N, C-alpha and C. Protein backbone atom coordinates (compact mmCIF):
# COMPACT_ATOMS: atom_id res chain seq x y z
N MET A 1 2.35 -28.31 34.66
CA MET A 1 3.76 -28.08 34.35
C MET A 1 3.89 -26.67 33.77
N ILE A 2 4.92 -25.98 34.20
CA ILE A 2 5.22 -24.64 33.69
C ILE A 2 6.53 -24.72 32.92
N ARG A 3 6.52 -24.20 31.73
CA ARG A 3 7.74 -24.15 30.91
C ARG A 3 8.19 -22.70 30.82
N HIS A 4 9.45 -22.48 31.09
CA HIS A 4 10.07 -21.16 31.03
C HIS A 4 11.14 -21.22 29.94
N ILE A 5 11.05 -20.31 28.98
CA ILE A 5 11.97 -20.32 27.85
C ILE A 5 12.65 -18.96 27.72
N VAL A 6 13.96 -19.00 27.56
CA VAL A 6 14.74 -17.80 27.29
C VAL A 6 15.49 -18.07 25.99
N ILE A 7 15.31 -17.18 25.03
CA ILE A 7 16.10 -17.26 23.79
C ILE A 7 16.99 -16.03 23.74
N PHE A 8 18.22 -16.23 23.28
CA PHE A 8 19.17 -15.12 23.36
C PHE A 8 20.26 -15.21 22.31
N THR A 9 20.92 -14.06 22.13
CA THR A 9 22.07 -13.93 21.24
C THR A 9 23.16 -13.20 22.00
N PHE A 10 24.37 -13.70 21.88
CA PHE A 10 25.50 -13.04 22.51
C PHE A 10 25.89 -11.79 21.73
N LYS A 11 26.52 -10.86 22.41
CA LYS A 11 27.07 -9.68 21.75
C LYS A 11 28.15 -10.12 20.77
N ASP A 12 28.39 -9.33 19.75
CA ASP A 12 29.36 -9.66 18.70
C ASP A 12 30.77 -9.87 19.24
N ASP A 13 31.12 -9.19 20.32
CA ASP A 13 32.49 -9.28 20.82
C ASP A 13 32.72 -10.48 21.75
N VAL A 14 31.70 -11.29 21.98
CA VAL A 14 31.86 -12.49 22.82
C VAL A 14 32.44 -13.60 21.94
N THR A 15 33.60 -14.10 22.31
CA THR A 15 34.27 -15.13 21.52
C THR A 15 33.61 -16.48 21.73
N SER A 16 33.92 -17.42 20.87
CA SER A 16 33.37 -18.78 21.01
C SER A 16 33.85 -19.43 22.30
N VAL A 17 35.06 -19.13 22.74
CA VAL A 17 35.58 -19.66 24.01
C VAL A 17 34.78 -19.08 25.17
N GLU A 18 34.50 -17.78 25.13
CA GLU A 18 33.69 -17.15 26.18
C GLU A 18 32.28 -17.72 26.20
N LYS A 19 31.71 -17.93 25.03
CA LYS A 19 30.37 -18.52 24.95
C LYS A 19 30.35 -19.89 25.62
N LYS A 20 31.33 -20.71 25.30
CA LYS A 20 31.41 -22.05 25.88
C LYS A 20 31.53 -21.97 27.41
N THR A 21 32.32 -21.05 27.89
CA THR A 21 32.50 -20.86 29.34
C THR A 21 31.20 -20.40 29.99
N ILE A 22 30.54 -19.43 29.39
CA ILE A 22 29.28 -18.90 29.94
C ILE A 22 28.21 -19.98 29.93
N LEU A 23 28.09 -20.72 28.83
CA LEU A 23 27.07 -21.77 28.75
C LEU A 23 27.37 -22.89 29.75
N GLY A 24 28.63 -23.21 29.95
CA GLY A 24 29.00 -24.20 30.96
C GLY A 24 28.64 -23.72 32.36
N SER A 25 28.88 -22.45 32.63
CA SER A 25 28.50 -21.87 33.92
C SER A 25 26.99 -21.89 34.10
N LEU A 26 26.28 -21.63 33.03
CA LEU A 26 24.82 -21.67 33.09
C LEU A 26 24.33 -23.08 33.42
N ALA A 27 24.92 -24.08 32.81
CA ALA A 27 24.53 -25.47 33.09
C ALA A 27 24.78 -25.82 34.55
N LYS A 28 25.94 -25.44 35.08
CA LYS A 28 26.24 -25.70 36.49
C LYS A 28 25.28 -24.95 37.40
N PHE A 29 24.96 -23.73 37.03
CA PHE A 29 24.02 -22.92 37.80
C PHE A 29 22.64 -23.60 37.86
N LEU A 30 22.12 -24.01 36.71
CA LEU A 30 20.78 -24.62 36.66
C LEU A 30 20.73 -25.94 37.43
N ALA A 31 21.82 -26.68 37.43
CA ALA A 31 21.86 -27.98 38.13
C ALA A 31 21.69 -27.82 39.64
N ASN A 32 21.87 -26.62 40.17
CA ASN A 32 21.75 -26.38 41.60
C ASN A 32 20.30 -26.26 42.09
N PHE A 33 19.35 -26.15 41.17
CA PHE A 33 17.95 -25.97 41.53
C PHE A 33 17.23 -27.32 41.43
N ASN A 34 17.04 -27.98 42.55
CA ASN A 34 16.43 -29.31 42.51
C ASN A 34 14.95 -29.27 42.19
N PHE A 35 14.33 -28.12 42.20
CA PHE A 35 12.91 -28.02 41.85
C PHE A 35 12.68 -27.71 40.36
N ILE A 36 13.76 -27.57 39.60
CA ILE A 36 13.63 -27.54 38.14
C ILE A 36 13.57 -29.00 37.70
N LYS A 37 12.45 -29.39 37.10
CA LYS A 37 12.24 -30.80 36.74
C LYS A 37 13.14 -31.23 35.59
N VAL A 38 13.17 -30.43 34.55
CA VAL A 38 13.98 -30.72 33.36
C VAL A 38 14.49 -29.38 32.83
N TRP A 39 15.72 -29.38 32.36
CA TRP A 39 16.24 -28.18 31.72
C TRP A 39 17.16 -28.57 30.57
N THR A 40 17.29 -27.65 29.61
CA THR A 40 18.19 -27.86 28.48
C THR A 40 18.71 -26.53 27.99
N ILE A 41 19.90 -26.55 27.45
CA ILE A 41 20.52 -25.40 26.78
C ILE A 41 20.91 -25.90 25.41
N GLN A 42 20.41 -25.25 24.36
CA GLN A 42 20.67 -25.74 23.01
C GLN A 42 20.91 -24.58 22.05
N PRO A 43 21.74 -24.81 21.03
CA PRO A 43 21.90 -23.80 19.98
C PRO A 43 20.69 -23.82 19.06
N ASN A 44 20.43 -22.71 18.43
CA ASN A 44 19.36 -22.62 17.45
C ASN A 44 19.78 -23.38 16.19
N ILE A 45 18.99 -24.34 15.78
CA ILE A 45 19.31 -25.12 14.57
C ILE A 45 18.39 -24.77 13.40
N SER A 46 17.56 -23.76 13.57
CA SER A 46 16.62 -23.39 12.52
C SER A 46 17.34 -22.89 11.28
N ALA A 47 16.92 -23.37 10.14
CA ALA A 47 17.44 -22.87 8.87
C ALA A 47 16.62 -21.67 8.40
N HIS A 48 15.52 -21.38 9.10
CA HIS A 48 14.59 -20.33 8.67
C HIS A 48 14.76 -19.01 9.41
N ASP A 49 15.28 -19.05 10.62
CA ASP A 49 15.40 -17.82 11.40
C ASP A 49 16.59 -17.93 12.34
N LYS A 50 17.56 -17.09 12.14
CA LYS A 50 18.78 -17.09 12.97
C LYS A 50 18.82 -15.86 13.89
N THR A 51 17.65 -15.30 14.21
CA THR A 51 17.59 -14.12 15.06
C THR A 51 18.26 -14.37 16.41
N PHE A 52 18.01 -15.54 16.97
CA PHE A 52 18.58 -15.89 18.27
C PHE A 52 19.51 -17.08 18.12
N GLU A 53 20.59 -17.09 18.93
CA GLU A 53 21.59 -18.15 18.86
C GLU A 53 21.27 -19.38 19.71
N TYR A 54 20.71 -19.14 20.91
CA TYR A 54 20.54 -20.21 21.89
C TYR A 54 19.16 -20.16 22.53
N VAL A 55 18.77 -21.30 23.07
CA VAL A 55 17.55 -21.39 23.87
C VAL A 55 17.88 -22.12 25.17
N VAL A 56 17.26 -21.64 26.23
CA VAL A 56 17.28 -22.32 27.52
C VAL A 56 15.83 -22.60 27.85
N ALA A 57 15.50 -23.85 28.13
CA ALA A 57 14.14 -24.23 28.48
C ALA A 57 14.18 -24.93 29.84
N LEU A 58 13.31 -24.49 30.73
CA LEU A 58 13.21 -25.04 32.08
C LEU A 58 11.78 -25.47 32.33
N ASP A 59 11.60 -26.64 32.92
CA ASP A 59 10.27 -27.10 33.31
C ASP A 59 10.15 -27.14 34.82
N PHE A 60 9.06 -26.57 35.31
CA PHE A 60 8.75 -26.54 36.73
C PHE A 60 7.42 -27.24 36.96
N GLU A 61 7.29 -27.86 38.11
CA GLU A 61 6.03 -28.54 38.45
C GLU A 61 4.89 -27.54 38.62
N ALA A 62 5.16 -26.39 39.21
CA ALA A 62 4.11 -25.42 39.51
C ALA A 62 4.62 -24.00 39.35
N ARG A 63 3.70 -23.07 39.20
CA ARG A 63 4.04 -21.66 39.06
C ARG A 63 4.83 -21.16 40.27
N GLU A 64 4.52 -21.68 41.44
CA GLU A 64 5.25 -21.28 42.66
C GLU A 64 6.74 -21.61 42.55
N ASP A 65 7.06 -22.72 41.91
CA ASP A 65 8.47 -23.09 41.71
C ASP A 65 9.15 -22.10 40.76
N LEU A 66 8.45 -21.70 39.72
CA LEU A 66 9.00 -20.70 38.80
C LEU A 66 9.24 -19.40 39.55
N GLU A 67 8.29 -18.97 40.35
CA GLU A 67 8.45 -17.73 41.11
C GLU A 67 9.58 -17.85 42.12
N ARG A 68 9.74 -19.01 42.72
CA ARG A 68 10.84 -19.24 43.66
C ARG A 68 12.18 -19.10 42.92
N TYR A 69 12.24 -19.64 41.72
CA TYR A 69 13.45 -19.52 40.89
C TYR A 69 13.73 -18.05 40.57
N PHE A 70 12.70 -17.34 40.07
CA PHE A 70 12.88 -15.93 39.71
C PHE A 70 13.36 -15.08 40.87
N SER A 71 12.82 -15.33 42.04
CA SER A 71 13.12 -14.47 43.18
C SER A 71 14.36 -14.90 43.97
N SER A 72 14.96 -16.01 43.59
CA SER A 72 16.15 -16.47 44.32
C SER A 72 17.32 -15.51 44.09
N GLU A 73 18.08 -15.32 45.12
CA GLU A 73 19.26 -14.46 45.03
C GLU A 73 20.24 -15.00 43.98
N GLU A 74 20.34 -16.33 43.90
CA GLU A 74 21.24 -16.96 42.93
C GLU A 74 20.86 -16.58 41.50
N HIS A 75 19.56 -16.64 41.20
CA HIS A 75 19.09 -16.29 39.86
C HIS A 75 19.35 -14.82 39.56
N LEU A 76 19.00 -13.98 40.49
CA LEU A 76 19.18 -12.54 40.28
C LEU A 76 20.66 -12.20 40.05
N THR A 77 21.52 -12.78 40.84
CA THR A 77 22.95 -12.52 40.73
C THR A 77 23.51 -13.05 39.41
N PHE A 78 23.15 -14.29 39.06
CA PHE A 78 23.68 -14.90 37.83
C PHE A 78 23.16 -14.17 36.60
N ALA A 79 21.86 -13.90 36.57
CA ALA A 79 21.28 -13.25 35.40
C ALA A 79 21.88 -11.86 35.18
N LYS A 80 21.92 -11.07 36.22
CA LYS A 80 22.40 -9.69 36.09
C LYS A 80 23.91 -9.58 36.00
N GLY A 81 24.63 -10.49 36.64
CA GLY A 81 26.07 -10.37 36.70
C GLY A 81 26.84 -11.16 35.66
N VAL A 82 26.27 -12.27 35.19
CA VAL A 82 27.01 -13.15 34.28
C VAL A 82 26.44 -13.13 32.87
N ILE A 83 25.16 -13.38 32.74
CA ILE A 83 24.56 -13.58 31.41
C ILE A 83 24.19 -12.26 30.72
N ARG A 84 23.32 -11.49 31.32
CA ARG A 84 22.77 -10.31 30.64
C ARG A 84 23.82 -9.34 30.10
N PRO A 85 24.90 -9.08 30.83
CA PRO A 85 25.89 -8.14 30.28
C PRO A 85 26.53 -8.61 28.98
N ARG A 86 26.46 -9.90 28.68
CA ARG A 86 27.11 -10.46 27.48
C ARG A 86 26.14 -10.68 26.32
N LEU A 87 24.86 -10.32 26.52
CA LEU A 87 23.85 -10.56 25.50
C LEU A 87 23.51 -9.30 24.72
N SER A 88 23.29 -9.47 23.42
CA SER A 88 22.82 -8.36 22.60
C SER A 88 21.30 -8.31 22.57
N GLN A 89 20.67 -9.47 22.72
CA GLN A 89 19.21 -9.52 22.76
C GLN A 89 18.75 -10.80 23.42
N ARG A 90 17.54 -10.73 23.98
CA ARG A 90 16.94 -11.90 24.60
C ARG A 90 15.44 -11.73 24.60
N ALA A 91 14.74 -12.83 24.70
CA ALA A 91 13.29 -12.85 24.86
C ALA A 91 12.97 -13.94 25.87
N VAL A 92 11.97 -13.70 26.69
CA VAL A 92 11.60 -14.61 27.77
C VAL A 92 10.11 -14.85 27.71
N ILE A 93 9.72 -16.12 27.89
CA ILE A 93 8.31 -16.45 27.96
C ILE A 93 8.15 -17.65 28.90
N SER A 94 7.06 -17.65 29.65
CA SER A 94 6.72 -18.77 30.51
C SER A 94 5.25 -19.11 30.25
N PHE A 95 4.93 -20.39 30.28
CA PHE A 95 3.56 -20.79 29.98
C PHE A 95 3.27 -22.16 30.58
N THR A 96 1.98 -22.45 30.69
CA THR A 96 1.55 -23.77 31.15
C THR A 96 1.70 -24.72 29.99
N SER A 97 2.52 -25.75 30.17
CA SER A 97 2.85 -26.61 29.03
C SER A 97 2.01 -27.88 28.95
N ASP A 98 1.23 -28.17 29.97
CA ASP A 98 0.45 -29.41 29.93
C ASP A 98 -1.04 -29.16 29.75
N ALA A 99 -1.44 -27.92 29.59
CA ALA A 99 -2.86 -27.61 29.40
C ALA A 99 -3.19 -27.65 27.92
N PRO A 100 -4.33 -28.25 27.56
CA PRO A 100 -4.71 -28.25 26.15
C PRO A 100 -5.10 -26.85 25.69
N TYR A 101 -4.87 -26.59 24.43
CA TYR A 101 -5.25 -25.29 23.86
C TYR A 101 -6.76 -25.15 23.88
N GLN A 102 -7.21 -23.98 24.30
CA GLN A 102 -8.63 -23.65 24.24
C GLN A 102 -8.74 -22.28 23.61
N GLU A 103 -9.62 -22.16 22.64
CA GLU A 103 -9.77 -20.90 21.92
C GLU A 103 -10.06 -19.75 22.87
N THR A 104 -10.76 -20.01 23.95
CA THR A 104 -11.10 -18.96 24.91
C THR A 104 -9.88 -18.44 25.66
N ASP A 105 -8.75 -19.18 25.63
CA ASP A 105 -7.54 -18.75 26.32
C ASP A 105 -6.82 -17.62 25.61
N VAL A 106 -7.07 -17.45 24.33
CA VAL A 106 -6.35 -16.45 23.54
C VAL A 106 -6.70 -15.06 24.06
N GLY A 107 -5.65 -14.29 24.31
CA GLY A 107 -5.84 -12.93 24.77
C GLY A 107 -6.16 -12.79 26.24
N GLN A 108 -5.99 -13.85 27.00
CA GLN A 108 -6.27 -13.82 28.43
C GLN A 108 -4.99 -14.03 29.21
N PRO A 109 -4.18 -12.98 29.38
CA PRO A 109 -2.93 -13.15 30.10
C PRO A 109 -3.18 -13.58 31.55
N ALA A 110 -2.25 -14.34 32.06
CA ALA A 110 -2.38 -14.84 33.44
C ALA A 110 -2.14 -13.74 34.44
């Protein structure tokens, strides 16, 4: 299983109504990919760090599915045209979520 996580914060001038609209569009967008096994969009509830407002987590069966998602015209268009212009910051990470931790894995990028 591959987990893809995007954490982000909207620009200061994005209203709560705009945020709701964008997040709703994101949910509809993600629902169109039948090879995404599980996905969620959630606000940050941490009392310790408010650096980022939201998280999007997607689970894929295989790395090929993640790559198919990344390279799809739909993803490229939505990310560049809808989401990214409204964000002040974001961070992205993808990792194998079902593999046990092994000390030898540290520092060995895929």
